[in-house]
């Protein structure tokens, strides 16, 4: 996958001095969520990279809330259908 912690840091607007552990956890959670939804991990797909960064940013922005993964916004649910087709 082409998403690095530094690219996610810029995408999410995270503090450049912040420890990588939170961003890493958000990125891993986003990748796991898409894998659980049946999306094949595509190491070269810009669309996959975009949605993984976007979901990781959502998790990052939702940190500190009771359950950020309890309600995934509809845009991510819709993206699963595009990404499944793109991964075939």
C-alpha atoms as a PDB file:
ATOM      1  CA  UNK A   1       0.000   0.000   0.000  1.00  0.00           C
ATOM      2  CA  UNK A   2       1.241   3.484  -0.843  1.00  0.00           C
ATOM      3  CA  UNK A   3      -0.173   5.185   2.261  1.00  0.00           C
ATOM      4  CA  UNK A   4       2.592   6.191   4.616  1.00  0.00           C
ATOM      5  CA  UNK A   5       2.246   7.669   8.065  1.00  0.00           C
ATOM      6  CA  UNK A   6       3.609  10.948   6.716  1.00  0.00           C
ATOM      7  CA  UNK A   7       1.031  11.111   3.909  1.00  0.00           C
ATOM      8  CA  UNK A   8      -1.715  10.241   6.408  1.00  0.00           C
ATOM      9  CA  UNK A   9      -0.391  12.910   8.776  1.00  0.00           C
ATOM     10  CA  UNK A  10      -0.775  15.534   6.011  1.00  0.00           C
ATOM     11  CA  UNK A  11      -4.150  14.143   4.857  1.00  0.00           C
ATOM     12  CA  UNK A  12      -5.563  14.157   8.405  1.00  0.00           C
ATOM     13  CA  UNK A  13      -4.029  17.510   9.323  1.00  0.00           C
ATOM     14  CA  UNK A  14      -2.225  15.970  12.279  1.00  0.00           C
ATOM     15  CA  UNK A  15       0.469  17.811  14.197  1.00  0.00           C
ATOM     16  CA  UNK A  16       3.875  17.074  12.608  1.00  0.00           C
ATOM     17  CA  UNK A  17       5.340  16.597  16.091  1.00  0.00           C
ATOM     18  CA  UNK A  18       2.702  14.073  17.212  1.00  0.00           C
ATOM     19  CA  UNK A  19       3.780  10.530  17.986  1.00  0.00           C
ATOM     20  CA  UNK A  20       3.046   8.085  15.137  1.00  0.00           C
ATOM     21  CA  UNK A  21       1.292   5.539  17.351  1.00  0.00           C
ATOM     22  CA  UNK A  22      -2.205   7.048  17.086  1.00  0.00           C
ATOM     23  CA  UNK A  23      -1.950   7.527  13.319  1.00  0.00           C
ATOM     24  CA  UNK A  24      -0.596   4.006  12.910  1.00  0.00           C
ATOM     25  CA  UNK A  25      -3.498   2.575  14.904  1.00  0.00           C
ATOM     26  CA  UNK A  26      -6.006   4.556  12.832  1.00  0.00           C
ATOM     27  CA  UNK A  27      -4.403   3.413   9.572  1.00  0.00           C
ATOM     28  CA  UNK A  28      -4.364  -0.221  10.662  1.00  0.00           C
ATOM     29  CA  UNK A  29      -7.995   0.007  11.802  1.00  0.00           C
ATOM     30  CA  UNK A  30      -9.040   1.455   8.444  1.00  0.00           C
ATOM     31  CA  UNK A  31      -7.215  -1.278   6.529  1.00  0.00           C
ATOM     32  CA  UNK A  32      -8.770  -3.944   8.771  1.00  0.00           C
ATOM     33  CA  UNK A  33     -12.239  -2.439   8.289  1.00  0.00           C
ATOM     34  CA  UNK A  34     -11.921  -2.575   4.487  1.00  0.00           C
ATOM     35  CA  UNK A  35     -10.480  -6.098   4.624  1.00  0.00           C
ATOM     36  CA  UNK A  36     -13.419  -7.170   6.794  1.00  0.00           C
ATOM     37  CA  UNK A  37     -15.768  -5.673   4.213  1.00  0.00           C
ATOM     38  CA  UNK A  38     -14.229  -7.912   1.547  1.00  0.00           C
ATOM     39  CA  UNK A  39     -12.096  -5.306  -0.190  1.00  0.00           C
ATOM     40  CA  UNK A  40      -8.831  -6.787  -1.471  1.00  0.00           C
ATOM     41  CA  UNK A  41      -5.774  -4.834  -0.353  1.00  0.00           C
ATOM     42  CA  UNK A  42      -4.448  -3.163  -3.479  1.00  0.00           C
ATOM     43  CA  UNK A  43      -0.907  -1.887  -3.212  1.00  0.00           C
ATOM     44  CA  UNK A  44      -1.127   0.289  -6.330  1.00  0.00           C
ATOM     45  CA  UNK A  45      -4.679   1.636  -6.347  1.00  0.00           C
ATOM     46  CA  UNK A  46      -5.047   5.357  -5.750  1.00  0.00           C
ATOM     47  CA  UNK A  47      -8.761   4.907  -5.021  1.00  0.00           C
ATOM     48  CA  UNK A  48      -8.010   2.356  -2.288  1.00  0.00           C
ATOM     49  CA  UNK A  49      -5.312   4.612  -0.834  1.00  0.00           C
ATOM     50  CA  UNK A  50      -7.697   7.582  -0.829  1.00  0.00           C
ATOM     51  CA  UNK A  51     -10.488   5.760   0.990  1.00  0.00           C
ATOM     52  CA  UNK A  52      -8.150   4.115   3.499  1.00  0.00           C
ATOM     53  CA  UNK A  53      -6.626   7.522   4.318  1.00  0.00           C
ATOM     54  CA  UNK A  54     -10.081   9.053   4.492  1.00  0.00           C
ATOM     55  CA  UNK A  55     -11.364   6.385   6.905  1.00  0.00           C
ATOM     56  CA  UNK A  56      -8.171   6.553   8.965  1.00  0.00           C
ATOM     57  CA  UNK A  57      -8.663  10.335   9.170  1.00  0.00           C
ATOM     58  CA  UNK A  58     -12.249   9.788  10.308  1.00  0.00           C
ATOM     59  CA  UNK A  59     -10.978   7.483  13.066  1.00  0.00           C
ATOM     60  CA  UNK A  60      -8.287  10.043  13.946  1.00  0.00           C
ATOM     61  CA  UNK A  61     -10.830  12.875  14.152  1.00  0.00           C
ATOM     62  CA  UNK A  62     -13.151  10.666  16.227  1.00  0.00           C
ATOM     63  CA  UNK A  63     -10.528   9.712  18.813  1.00  0.00           C
ATOM     64  CA  UNK A  64     -11.685  10.297  22.329  1.00  0.00           C
ATOM     65  CA  UNK A  65     -15.321   9.605  21.496  1.00  0.00           C
ATOM     66  CA  UNK A  66     -17.061   6.606  22.994  1.00  0.00           C
ATOM     67  CA  UNK A  67     -16.968   4.370  19.900  1.00  0.00           C
ATOM     68  CA  UNK A  68     -15.688   5.971  16.667  1.00  0.00           C
ATOM     69  CA  UNK A  69     -16.225   2.724  14.754  1.00  0.00           C
ATOM     70  CA  UNK A  70     -19.801   2.304  15.958  1.00  0.00           C
ATOM     71  CA  UNK A  71     -21.191   4.417  13.121  1.00  0.00           C
ATOM     72  CA  UNK A  72     -19.242   4.429   9.894  1.00  0.00           C
ATOM     73  CA  UNK A  73     -20.492   7.223   7.591  1.00  0.00           C
ATOM     74  CA  UNK A  74     -22.362   6.197   4.455  1.00  0.00           C
ATOM     75  CA  UNK A  75     -19.584   7.368   2.129  1.00  0.00           C
ATOM     76  CA  UNK A  76     -17.371   4.530   3.385  1.00  0.00           C
ATOM     77  CA  UNK A  77     -20.137   1.952   3.051  1.00  0.00           C
ATOM     78  CA  UNK A  78     -20.649   3.085  -0.569  1.00  0.00           C
ATOM     79  CA  UNK A  79     -16.918   2.999  -1.270  1.00  0.00           C
ATOM     80  CA  UNK A  80     -16.817  -0.731  -0.496  1.00  0.00           C
ATOM     81  CA  UNK A  81     -18.769  -1.471  -3.684  1.00  0.00           C
ATOM     82  CA  UNK A  82     -16.387   0.594  -5.830  1.00  0.00           C
ATOM     83  CA  UNK A  83     -13.290  -0.873  -4.226  1.00  0.00           C
ATOM     84  CA  UNK A  84     -14.482  -4.468  -4.472  1.00  0.00           C
ATOM     85  CA  UNK A  85     -15.049  -4.012  -8.199  1.00  0.00           C
ATOM     86  CA  UNK A  86     -11.703  -2.223  -8.660  1.00  0.00           C
ATOM     87  CA  UNK A  87      -9.853  -5.036  -6.894  1.00  0.00           C
ATOM     88  CA  UNK A  88     -11.063  -7.741  -9.249  1.00  0.00           C
END
